[in-house]
Structures are given as structure tokens and as C-alpha cells.
Amino acid sequence: MGRTEYRRSAEAAAAVVALAGVSLTYRSDQDVDALENITLTLDAGEFVCLLGPSGCGKSTLLKIIAGFIAPTDGAAVMDGEAITGADWQRGVVFQHPPLYPWLDVAANVKFGLKMRKLPELESQKLTEEYLKKVGLLEFRTSKVYQLSGGMKQRVAIARALVNQPRVLLMDEPFGALDALTREQMQSLLRNIWRESQCTILFITHDVDEALSLGTRVLVMSKRPGRIIKEFRPDFTHSMIGEKSNRSRYTPEFLKLREEILDLINNYTKGDGCAYF
């Protein structure tokens, strides 16, 4: 085994999630190659943000890690075991949270615990703990249709985190929110991540959002999606308190932002892909 292969093998062994040579083709009348030769590790406590043009396979990659679909080629493992289906150790939050309108907020958050058959007293305690973390304890008896978009997303985050998963997978969770609510949700998520030490994979179209949250930012190519470059920003650690947004206007932040935008725009120029 060469030095590079040995290093990659050691990194994969230490990772919470590891993908090795993952490709996926959607089979239909006209096959679509969605992903090509993705090799990726998610280490404990990382906040990894995934950027790329629309249709490049970001959501497909997340679904493979979640266990919703299997790759056509390659391997996806968690803690050294093959990912063969959905598991509570990998929580998922979507852009439009699939909450149950006939249940109140607390029952929505508690749903996963109920499916796992946790004792009622423990479930109740955990539900209240995570509703408090997301600032919704006083709304625990409200129906979800009574909530704003941001509040619904808080419920979805609490529902994913209440199971205390090793990995949290988030597919453009703040994409449908207004700018102010989005900023508030970013701050909430950043604080929860620091406190929980959970590993997060976060898909976004917003370069500023990726840089202000991620400890690692991965940029994907057009379809079939490949990881073309990795960045390791450190802005999220400085975004604390009332003056947290100042980091967005530093020369270092703006320079890295432009570099990523240039990379994406130059890579997709003239191919009909959209990036926004």
C-alpha cells in the first residue's frame, strides 16, 4: 500500500462516516449519472458544508449517507459498518420539514423516541430538554400549522436532535426562510453544534452561509457530481454574541467567498447549470 493510500485508509478508519469511490446512476429510459467517484470522510464533531450547482448531486449524496438509497458503485460506511438503511444515529432535516399536522409540537418531537420504544418518562424529559434548546418549550402544546416557517424548522431540528444522533444531515434547511429568520437559525444551529459536539453535513446554495457555519467546505462539480475542492474556514468559531456578524466583513472572509464563487462560476460557465 502506498503512502497516500495508507493515509486515506487511516483517515477512513477514524471517521464517523466514510464514502469510498461512491457513484450513483439513476436508472430509467435515459440513465442519469448523478455522482462519480466520491471519496469523503466525516470526522467526529465536524461541521461540513456542501456547495455546488443545482442538480450536481448534493441531495443524492446526503440520501446515500442517510441510508435512503444505495450507491451504484463504491461503499458507504458508518463506524466501519456498511450503511444499509435509515438509522436514528443519522438524523435528517429537510428544507420543508415533514411534520405531522395532526400532532402538537411536543408529539412531533417525541415521535422518533416513541418509535424506538423509549420509556415515557425518559421521552418526556428529552422532548422538553430539546424544545428548550430550540426555544419552543412554551409552544409544546401548539399545532404545527400555527407556527411560522422558522418555528417549524426549529421543531424539525429538535425532532432530529432529540434522538441524540452521531450525525445530523441537513438538506438546505434554511433555504425557504427570510433573511432575518435565516440568520437567527444559523446562530441557533451553531450554538447547538458547539454544545452537542454532533457531526453535521449541511447542504446549502449560499456561500456566506457555508463559510459562517462550516469547519470544512466542500465544492462539487456539475453533474455527475464530484468533489473538486475543499476549504477549511474558521469563521464559525469567532461568530459568538452580538458582534458575531463582523466576521462576514473581514478581508479573509470576503477573499475566500470570492474564491469559492469564482471556482463555481468558472467551472459551470457555459454548461447550462444554475447557481444561486
C-alpha atoms as a PDB file:
ATOM      1  CA  MET A   1       0.000   0.000   0.000  1.00  0.00           C
ATOM      2  CA  GLY A   2       1.426   3.406  -0.982  1.00  0.00           C
ATOM      3  CA  ARG A   3       1.766   6.330   1.412  1.00  0.00           C
ATOM      4  CA  THR A   4      -1.298   8.165   0.016  1.00  0.00           C
ATOM      5  CA  GLU A   5      -3.475   5.042   0.126  1.00  0.00           C
ATOM      6  CA  TYR A   6      -2.324   4.278   3.684  1.00  0.00           C
ATOM      7  CA  ARG A   7      -3.180   7.812   4.826  1.00  0.00           C
ATOM      8  CA  ARG A   8      -6.632   7.630   3.256  1.00  0.00           C
ATOM      9  CA  SER A   9      -7.209   4.217   4.839  1.00  0.00           C
ATOM     10  CA  ALA A  10      -6.220   5.562   8.273  1.00  0.00           C
ATOM     11  CA  GLU A  11      -8.483   8.614   7.857  1.00  0.00           C
ATOM     12  CA  ALA A  12     -11.438   6.408   6.877  1.00  0.00           C
ATOM     13  CA  ALA A  13     -10.848   4.140   9.871  1.00  0.00           C
ATOM     14  CA  ALA A  14     -11.030   7.143  12.249  1.00  0.00           C
ATOM     15  CA  ALA A  15     -14.108   8.694  10.597  1.00  0.00           C
ATOM     16  CA  VAL A  16     -17.702   8.511  11.774  1.00  0.00           C
ATOM     17  CA  VAL A  17     -18.863   8.258   8.141  1.00  0.00           C
ATOM     18  CA  ALA A  18     -16.707   7.274   5.177  1.00  0.00           C
ATOM     19  CA  LEU A  19     -17.531   7.076   1.470  1.00  0.00           C
ATOM     20  CA  ALA A  20     -15.099   5.305  -0.846  1.00  0.00           C
ATOM     21  CA  GLY A  21     -15.422   5.599  -4.628  1.00  0.00           C
ATOM     22  CA  VAL A  22     -19.171   6.231  -4.435  1.00  0.00           C
ATOM     23  CA  SER A  23     -21.018   6.684  -7.736  1.00  0.00           C
ATOM     24  CA  LEU A  24     -24.732   6.663  -8.446  1.00  0.00           C
ATOM     25  CA  THR A  25     -26.689   6.339 -11.669  1.00  0.00           C
ATOM     26  CA  TYR A  26     -30.455   6.794 -11.740  1.00  0.00           C
ATOM     27  CA  ARG A  27     -31.798   4.062 -13.993  1.00  0.00           C
ATOM     28  CA  SER A  28     -34.671   4.980 -16.309  1.00  0.00           C
ATOM     29  CA  ASP A  29     -35.408   5.253 -20.027  1.00  0.00           C
ATOM     30  CA  GLN A  30     -32.476   7.639 -20.080  1.00  0.00           C
ATOM     31  CA  ASP A  31     -29.902   6.865 -17.388  1.00  0.00           C
ATOM     32  CA  VAL A  32     -28.627   9.850 -15.375  1.00  0.00           C
ATOM     33  CA  ASP A  33     -25.188   9.768 -13.763  1.00  0.00           C
ATOM     34  CA  ALA A  34     -25.704  11.748 -10.550  1.00  0.00           C
ATOM     35  CA  LEU A  35     -22.429  11.110  -8.675  1.00  0.00           C
ATOM     36  CA  GLU A  36     -18.995   9.955  -9.781  1.00  0.00           C
ATOM     37  CA  ASN A  37     -16.220   8.534  -7.600  1.00  0.00           C
ATOM     38  CA  ILE A  38     -16.926  10.401  -4.360  1.00  0.00           C
ATOM     39  CA  THR A  39     -14.430   9.690  -1.573  1.00  0.00           C
ATOM     40  CA  LEU A  40     -15.250  11.535   1.635  1.00  0.00           C
ATOM     41  CA  THR A  41     -14.895  11.224   5.400  1.00  0.00           C
ATOM     42  CA  LEU A  42     -16.908  12.943   8.131  1.00  0.00           C
ATOM     43  CA  ASP A  43     -14.985  13.061  11.395  1.00  0.00           C
ATOM     44  CA  ALA A  44     -16.496  13.384  14.865  1.00  0.00           C
ATOM     45  CA  GLY A  45     -17.529  16.950  15.695  1.00  0.00           C
ATOM     46  CA  GLU A  46     -17.024  18.367  12.189  1.00  0.00           C
ATOM     47  CA  PHE A  47     -19.424  20.836  10.602  1.00  0.00           C
ATOM     48  CA  VAL A  48     -19.111  20.102   6.876  1.00  0.00           C
ATOM     49  CA  CYS A  49     -20.906  22.328   4.358  1.00  0.00           C
ATOM     50  CA  LEU A  50     -21.532  21.124   0.814  1.00  0.00           C
ATOM     51  CA  LEU A  51     -21.797  23.612  -2.067  1.00  0.00           C
ATOM     52  CA  GLY A  52     -22.343  23.136  -5.783  1.00  0.00           C
ATOM     53  CA  PRO A  53     -24.518  23.996  -8.784  1.00  0.00           C
ATOM     54  CA  SER A  54     -28.145  22.919  -8.903  1.00  0.00           C
ATOM     55  CA  GLY A  55     -28.551  19.304  -9.960  1.00  0.00           C
ATOM     56  CA  CYS A  56     -24.964  18.322  -9.126  1.00  0.00           C
ATOM     57  CA  GLY A  57     -25.957  15.524  -6.744  1.00  0.00           C
ATOM     58  CA  LYS A  58     -25.683  17.176  -3.320  1.00  0.00           C
ATOM     59  CA  SER A  59     -29.019  15.818  -2.097  1.00  0.00           C
ATOM     60  CA  THR A  60     -28.265  12.422  -3.632  1.00  0.00           C
ATOM     61  CA  LEU A  61     -25.034  12.271  -1.652  1.00  0.00           C
ATOM     62  CA  LEU A  62     -26.905  13.124   1.555  1.00  0.00           C
ATOM     63  CA  LYS A  63     -29.520  10.431   0.846  1.00  0.00           C
ATOM     64  CA  ILE A  64     -26.771   7.813   0.447  1.00  0.00           C
ATOM     65  CA  ILE A  65     -25.283   8.763   3.817  1.00  0.00           C
ATOM     66  CA  ALA A  66     -28.776   8.777   5.369  1.00  0.00           C
ATOM     67  CA  GLY A  67     -29.343   5.260   4.025  1.00  0.00           C
ATOM     68  CA  PHE A  68     -32.337   6.215   1.888  1.00  0.00           C
ATOM     69  CA  ILE A  69     -30.673   4.989  -1.322  1.00  0.00           C
ATOM     70  CA  ALA A  70     -27.705   2.738  -2.084  1.00  0.00           C
ATOM     71  CA  PRO A  71     -24.825   3.754  -4.343  1.00  0.00           C
ATOM     72  CA  THR A  72     -24.447   2.099  -7.727  1.00  0.00           C
ATOM     73  CA  ASP A  73     -20.719   1.661  -7.056  1.00  0.00           C
ATOM     74  CA  GLY A  74     -18.444   2.155  -4.072  1.00  0.00           C
ATOM     75  CA  ALA A  75     -19.045   1.844  -0.343  1.00  0.00           C
ATOM     76  CA  ALA A  76     -20.720   3.986   2.336  1.00  0.00           C
ATOM     77  CA  VAL A  77     -19.994   3.066   5.949  1.00  0.00           C
ATOM     78  CA  MET A  78     -20.606   4.454   9.431  1.00  0.00           C
ATOM     79  CA  ASP A  79     -18.341   3.414  12.283  1.00  0.00           C
ATOM     80  CA  GLY A  80     -16.912   0.749   9.991  1.00  0.00           C
ATOM     81  CA  GLU A  81     -20.321  -0.840   9.252  1.00  0.00           C
ATOM     82  CA  ALA A  82     -21.999  -0.643   5.842  1.00  0.00           C
ATOM     83  CA  ILE A  83     -24.917   1.809   5.640  1.00  0.00           C
ATOM     84  CA  THR A  84     -27.833  -0.349   4.517  1.00  0.00           C
ATOM     85  CA  GLY A  85     -30.837   1.745   5.537  1.00  0.00           C
ATOM     86  CA  ALA A  86     -32.104   4.635   7.637  1.00  0.00           C
ATOM     87  CA  ASP A  87     -30.945   4.735  11.262  1.00  0.00           C
ATOM     88  CA  TRP A  88     -31.700   7.036  14.207  1.00  0.00           C
ATOM     89  CA  GLN A  89     -27.948   7.596  14.584  1.00  0.00           C
ATOM     90  CA  ARG A  90     -28.208   9.705  11.406  1.00  0.00           C
ATOM     91  CA  GLY A  91     -30.801  12.444  11.872  1.00  0.00           C
ATOM     92  CA  VAL A  92     -32.114  14.255   8.787  1.00  0.00           C
ATOM     93  CA  VAL A  93     -33.577  17.761   8.424  1.00  0.00           C
ATOM     94  CA  PHE A  94     -35.065  18.865   5.087  1.00  0.00           C
ATOM     95  CA  GLN A  95     -35.836  22.311   3.642  1.00  0.00           C
ATOM     96  CA  HIS A  96     -39.558  21.684   4.094  1.00  0.00           C
ATOM     97  CA  PRO A  97     -39.930  19.788   7.391  1.00  0.00           C
ATOM     98  CA  PRO A  98     -42.303  16.797   7.061  1.00  0.00           C
ATOM     99  CA  LEU A  99     -44.096  17.429  10.362  1.00  0.00           C
ATOM    100  CA  TYR A 100     -47.371  15.747  11.298  1.00  0.00           C
ATOM    101  CA  PRO A 101     -50.125  18.421  11.311  1.00  0.00           C
ATOM    102  CA  TRP A 102     -52.467  16.343  13.493  1.00  0.00           C
ATOM    103  CA  LEU A 103     -49.877  16.224  16.309  1.00  0.00           C
ATOM    104  CA  ASP A 104     -48.820  19.061  18.563  1.00  0.00           C
ATOM    105  CA  VAL A 105     -45.232  20.314  18.738  1.00  0.00           C
ATOM    106  CA  ALA A 106     -44.181  18.044  21.612  1.00  0.00           C
ATOM    107  CA  ALA A 107     -45.690  14.946  19.979  1.00  0.00           C
ATOM    108  CA  ASN A 108     -43.853  15.707  16.733  1.00  0.00           C
ATOM    109  CA  VAL A 109     -40.533  15.977  18.564  1.00  0.00           C
ATOM    110  CA  LYS A 110     -41.248  12.840  20.603  1.00  0.00           C
ATOM    111  CA  PHE A 111     -42.285  10.744  17.581  1.00  0.00           C
ATOM    112  CA  GLY A 112     -38.891   9.142  16.959  1.00  0.00           C
ATOM    113  CA  LEU A 113     -38.449   8.295  20.627  1.00  0.00           C
ATOM    114  CA  LYS A 114     -41.861   6.625  20.579  1.00  0.00           C
ATOM    115  CA  MET A 115     -40.851   4.519  17.576  1.00  0.00           C
ATOM    116  CA  ARG A 116     -37.720   3.459  19.477  1.00  0.00           C
ATOM    117  CA  LYS A 117     -39.977   2.491  22.433  1.00  0.00           C
ATOM    118  CA  LEU A 118     -38.150   4.608  24.985  1.00  0.00           C
ATOM    119  CA  PRO A 119     -39.861   4.812  28.403  1.00  0.00           C
ATOM    120  CA  GLU A 120     -42.436   7.604  28.566  1.00  0.00           C
ATOM    121  CA  LEU A 121     -40.726   9.437  31.421  1.00  0.00           C
ATOM    122  CA  GLU A 122     -37.390   9.492  29.571  1.00  0.00           C
ATOM    123  CA  SER A 123     -39.085  10.536  26.323  1.00  0.00           C
ATOM    124  CA  GLN A 124     -40.895  13.386  28.044  1.00  0.00           C
ATOM    125  CA  LYS A 125     -37.700  14.626  29.681  1.00  0.00           C
ATOM    126  CA  LEU A 126     -35.728  14.543  26.427  1.00  0.00           C
ATOM    127  CA  THR A 127     -38.546  16.225  24.492  1.00  0.00           C
ATOM    128  CA  GLU A 128     -38.733  19.123  26.928  1.00  0.00           C
ATOM    129  CA  GLU A 129     -34.935  19.414  27.004  1.00  0.00           C
ATOM    130  CA  TYR A 130     -34.665  19.790  23.228  1.00  0.00           C
ATOM    131  CA  LEU A 131     -37.697  22.041  22.901  1.00  0.00           C
ATOM    132  CA  LYS A 132     -35.959  24.309  25.398  1.00  0.00           C
ATOM    133  CA  LYS A 133     -32.747  24.198  23.343  1.00  0.00           C
ATOM    134  CA  VAL A 134     -34.604  25.459  20.257  1.00  0.00           C
ATOM    135  CA  GLY A 135     -36.655  27.995  22.213  1.00  0.00           C
ATOM    136  CA  LEU A 136     -40.056  26.341  21.761  1.00  0.00           C
ATOM    137  CA  LEU A 137     -40.869  24.898  25.185  1.00  0.00           C
ATOM    138  CA  GLU A 138     -43.777  27.320  25.666  1.00  0.00           C
ATOM    139  CA  PHE A 139     -45.236  26.187  22.315  1.00  0.00           C
ATOM    140  CA  ARG A 140     -45.143  22.453  23.138  1.00  0.00           C
ATOM    141  CA  THR A 141     -48.959  22.123  23.007  1.00  0.00           C
ATOM    142  CA  SER A 142     -49.363  24.162  19.797  1.00  0.00           C
ATOM    143  CA  LYS A 143     -50.259  22.537  16.489  1.00  0.00           C
ATOM    144  CA  VAL A 144     -47.580  22.852  13.817  1.00  0.00           C
ATOM    145  CA  TYR A 145     -49.917  24.688  11.416  1.00  0.00           C
ATOM    146  CA  GLN A 146     -49.997  27.518  13.958  1.00  0.00           C
ATOM    147  CA  LEU A 147     -46.225  28.054  13.668  1.00  0.00           C
ATOM    148  CA  SER A 148     -44.139  30.272  11.403  1.00  0.00           C
ATOM    149  CA  GLY A 149     -41.679  28.772   8.927  1.00  0.00           C
ATOM    150  CA  GLY A 150     -38.742  29.342  11.239  1.00  0.00           C
ATOM    151  CA  MET A 151     -40.559  27.783  14.194  1.00  0.00           C
ATOM    152  CA  LYS A 152     -41.453  24.720  12.127  1.00  0.00           C
ATOM    153  CA  GLN A 153     -37.793  24.311  11.244  1.00  0.00           C
ATOM    154  CA  ARG A 154     -36.912  24.546  14.943  1.00  0.00           C
ATOM    155  CA  VAL A 155     -39.347  21.689  15.592  1.00  0.00           C
ATOM    156  CA  ALA A 156     -37.696  19.650  12.838  1.00  0.00           C
ATOM    157  CA  ILE A 157     -34.226  20.275  14.310  1.00  0.00           C
ATOM    158  CA  ALA A 158     -35.429  19.333  17.795  1.00  0.00           C
ATOM    159  CA  ARG A 159     -37.052  16.177  16.415  1.00  0.00           C
ATOM    160  CA  ALA A 160     -33.782  15.144  14.766  1.00  0.00           C
ATOM    161  CA  LEU A 161     -31.583  16.018  17.746  1.00  0.00           C
ATOM    162  CA  VAL A 162     -33.781  14.511  20.460  1.00  0.00           C
ATOM    163  CA  ASN A 163     -32.575  11.069  19.362  1.00  0.00           C
ATOM    164  CA  GLN A 164     -29.019  12.281  20.074  1.00  0.00           C
ATOM    165  CA  PRO A 165     -27.685  11.051  16.706  1.00  0.00           C
ATOM    166  CA  ARG A 166     -23.991  10.766  15.900  1.00  0.00           C
ATOM    167  CA  VAL A 167     -24.545  12.600  12.597  1.00  0.00           C
ATOM    168  CA  LEU A 168     -27.021  15.318  11.597  1.00  0.00           C
ATOM    169  CA  LEU A 169     -27.727  15.600   7.857  1.00  0.00           C
ATOM    170  CA  MET A 170     -29.314  18.882   6.739  1.00  0.00           C
ATOM    171  CA  ASP A 171     -30.551  19.484   3.186  1.00  0.00           C
ATOM    172  CA  GLU A 172     -30.876  23.261   2.646  1.00  0.00           C
ATOM    173  CA  PRO A 173     -32.813  23.576   5.917  1.00  0.00           C
ATOM    174  CA  PHE A 174     -32.951  27.387   5.870  1.00  0.00           C
ATOM    175  CA  GLY A 175     -33.442  27.893   2.127  1.00  0.00           C
ATOM    176  CA  ALA A 176     -37.125  28.850   2.388  1.00  0.00           C
ATOM    177  CA  LEU A 177     -36.713  31.304   5.276  1.00  0.00           C
ATOM    178  CA  ASP A 178     -36.485  35.086   5.117  1.00  0.00           C
ATOM    179  CA  ALA A 179     -33.060  36.675   5.638  1.00  0.00           C
ATOM    180  CA  LEU A 180     -33.532  37.664   9.301  1.00  0.00           C
ATOM    181  CA  THR A 181     -35.004  34.304  10.333  1.00  0.00           C
ATOM    182  CA  ARG A 182     -32.283  32.501   8.400  1.00  0.00           C
ATOM    183  CA  GLU A 183     -29.580  34.396  10.299  1.00  0.00           C
ATOM    184  CA  GLN A 184     -31.272  33.580  13.611  1.00  0.00           C
ATOM    185  CA  MET A 185     -31.472  29.890  12.671  1.00  0.00           C
ATOM    186  CA  GLN A 186     -27.803  29.848  11.711  1.00  0.00           C
ATOM    187  CA  SER A 187     -26.907  31.226  15.137  1.00  0.00           C
ATOM    188  CA  LEU A 188     -29.149  28.658  16.842  1.00  0.00           C
ATOM    189  CA  LEU A 189     -27.638  25.780  14.891  1.00  0.00           C
ATOM    190  CA  ARG A 190     -24.091  26.995  15.550  1.00  0.00           C
ATOM    191  CA  ASN A 191     -24.758  27.070  19.297  1.00  0.00           C
ATOM    192  CA  ILE A 192     -26.401  23.628  19.296  1.00  0.00           C
ATOM    193  CA  TRP A 193     -23.471  22.190  17.341  1.00  0.00           C
ATOM    194  CA  ARG A 194     -20.938  23.631  19.791  1.00  0.00           C
ATOM    195  CA  GLU A 195     -22.884  22.227  22.732  1.00  0.00           C
ATOM    196  CA  SER A 196     -23.765  18.806  21.321  1.00  0.00           C
ATOM    197  CA  GLN A 197     -20.470  18.045  19.509  1.00  0.00           C
ATOM    198  CA  CYS A 198     -22.627  16.401  16.817  1.00  0.00           C
ATOM    199  CA  THR A 199     -21.145  15.809  13.366  1.00  0.00           C
ATOM    200  CA  ILE A 200     -23.097  17.853  10.786  1.00  0.00           C
ATOM    201  CA  LEU A 201     -23.298  17.638   6.995  1.00  0.00           C
ATOM    202  CA  PHE A 202     -25.084  20.754   5.737  1.00  0.00           C
ATOM    203  CA  ILE A 203     -26.148  21.346   2.129  1.00  0.00           C
ATOM    204  CA  THR A 204     -26.572  24.955   1.043  1.00  0.00           C
ATOM    205  CA  HIS A 205     -26.538  27.167  -2.059  1.00  0.00           C
ATOM    206  CA  ASP A 206     -25.357  30.138  -0.005  1.00  0.00           C
ATOM    207  CA  VAL A 207     -21.576  30.636   0.108  1.00  0.00           C
ATOM    208  CA  ASP A 208     -21.846  33.101   3.011  1.00  0.00           C
ATOM    209  CA  GLU A 209     -23.871  30.560   4.976  1.00  0.00           C
ATOM    210  CA  ALA A 210     -21.347  27.807   4.312  1.00  0.00           C
ATOM    211  CA  LEU A 211     -18.414  29.966   5.405  1.00  0.00           C
ATOM    212  CA  SER A 212     -20.166  31.235   8.525  1.00  0.00           C
ATOM    213  CA  LEU A 213     -21.120  27.731   9.695  1.00  0.00           C
ATOM    214  CA  GLY A 214     -18.680  25.162   8.345  1.00  0.00           C
ATOM    215  CA  THR A 215     -15.359  23.985   9.706  1.00  0.00           C
ATOM    216  CA  ARG A 216     -14.927  22.390   6.273  1.00  0.00           C
ATOM    217  CA  VAL A 217     -16.495  23.483   2.978  1.00  0.00           C
ATOM    218  CA  LEU A 218     -16.636  21.102   0.012  1.00  0.00           C
ATOM    219  CA  VAL A 219     -17.382  22.304  -3.516  1.00  0.00           C
ATOM    220  CA  MET A 220     -18.929  19.914  -6.011  1.00  0.00           C
ATOM    221  CA  SER A 221     -18.762  19.952  -9.804  1.00  0.00           C
ATOM    222  CA  LYS A 222     -21.686  19.885 -12.216  1.00  0.00           C
ATOM    223  CA  ARG A 223     -23.357  16.508 -12.815  1.00  0.00           C
ATOM    224  CA  PRO A 224     -22.069  13.884 -12.424  1.00  0.00           C
ATOM    225  CA  GLY A 225     -21.087  15.390  -9.094  1.00  0.00           C
ATOM    226  CA  ARG A 226     -17.504  15.153  -7.894  1.00  0.00           C
ATOM    227  CA  ILE A 227     -15.767  16.982  -5.063  1.00  0.00           C
ATOM    228  CA  ILE A 228     -13.445  19.423  -6.801  1.00  0.00           C
ATOM    229  CA  LYS A 229     -12.045  21.414  -3.887  1.00  0.00           C
ATOM    230  CA  GLU A 230     -12.004  21.548  -0.097  1.00  0.00           C
ATOM    231  CA  PHE A 231     -11.688  24.632   2.125  1.00  0.00           C
ATOM    232  CA  ARG A 232     -11.149  24.786   5.884  1.00  0.00           C
ATOM    233  CA  PRO A 233     -12.530  28.121   7.152  1.00  0.00           C
ATOM    234  CA  ASP A 234     -12.527  29.032  10.830  1.00  0.00           C
ATOM    235  CA  PHE A 235     -15.121  31.809  10.942  1.00  0.00           C
ATOM    236  CA  THR A 236     -17.809  29.871  12.818  1.00  0.00           C
ATOM    237  CA  HIS A 237     -15.678  29.817  15.980  1.00  0.00           C
ATOM    238  CA  SER A 238     -15.472  33.621  16.010  1.00  0.00           C
ATOM    239  CA  MET A 239     -19.198  34.167  15.432  1.00  0.00           C
ATOM    240  CA  ILE A 240     -20.341  34.454  19.032  1.00  0.00           C
ATOM    241  CA  GLY A 241     -22.564  37.036  20.692  1.00  0.00           C
ATOM    242  CA  GLU A 242     -23.920  40.343  19.474  1.00  0.00           C
ATOM    243  CA  LYS A 243     -20.968  41.143  17.181  1.00  0.00           C
ATOM    244  CA  SER A 244     -20.893  37.739  15.508  1.00  0.00           C
ATOM    245  CA  ASN A 245     -21.609  39.083  12.004  1.00  0.00           C
ATOM    246  CA  ARG A 246     -18.421  41.134  11.920  1.00  0.00           C
ATOM    247  CA  SER A 247     -16.533  38.101  10.628  1.00  0.00           C
ATOM    248  CA  ARG A 248     -18.554  38.274   7.395  1.00  0.00           C
ATOM    249  CA  TYR A 249     -16.928  41.600   6.511  1.00  0.00           C
ATOM    250  CA  THR A 250     -13.297  40.756   7.230  1.00  0.00           C
ATOM    251  CA  PRO A 251     -10.852  40.690   4.289  1.00  0.00           C
ATOM    252  CA  GLU A 252     -10.233  36.980   4.924  1.00  0.00           C
ATOM    253  CA  PHE A 253     -13.958  36.108   4.695  1.00  0.00           C
ATOM    254  CA  LEU A 254     -14.533  38.203   1.572  1.00  0.00           C
ATOM    255  CA  LYS A 255     -11.437  36.826  -0.168  1.00  0.00           C
ATOM    256  CA  LEU A 256     -12.461  33.208   0.470  1.00  0.00           C
ATOM    257  CA  ARG A 257     -16.034  33.976  -0.584  1.00  0.00           C
ATOM    258  CA  GLU A 258     -14.847  35.345  -3.922  1.00  0.00           C
ATOM    259  CA  GLU A 259     -12.517  32.394  -4.459  1.00  0.00           C
ATOM    260  CA  ILE A 260     -15.353  29.908  -3.980  1.00  0.00           C
ATOM    261  CA  LEU A 261     -17.762  31.877  -6.185  1.00  0.00           C
ATOM    262  CA  ASP A 262     -15.137  32.136  -8.932  1.00  0.00           C
ATOM    263  CA  LEU A 263     -14.479  28.408  -8.696  1.00  0.00           C
ATOM    264  CA  ILE A 264     -18.152  27.528  -9.064  1.00  0.00           C
ATOM    265  CA  ASN A 265     -18.908  30.081 -11.766  1.00  0.00           C
ATOM    266  CA  ASN A 266     -15.839  29.234 -13.853  1.00  0.00           C
ATOM    267  CA  TYR A 267     -16.433  25.519 -13.505  1.00  0.00           C
ATOM    268  CA  THR A 268     -20.052  25.716 -14.655  1.00  0.00           C
ATOM    269  CA  LYS A 269     -19.694  28.506 -17.229  1.00  0.00           C
ATOM    270  CA  GLY A 270     -21.477  27.740 -20.461  1.00  0.00           C
ATOM    271  CA  ASP A 271     -22.877  24.357 -19.393  1.00  0.00           C
ATOM    272  CA  GLY A 272     -26.391  25.486 -18.571  1.00  0.00           C
ATOM    273  CA  CYS A 273     -26.074  24.813 -14.831  1.00  0.00           C
ATOM    274  CA  ALA A 274     -27.581  27.358 -12.499  1.00  0.00           C
ATOM    275  CA  TYR A 275     -26.012  28.526  -9.278  1.00  0.00           C
ATOM    276  CA  PHE A 276     -27.752  30.836  -6.852  1.00  0.00           C
END
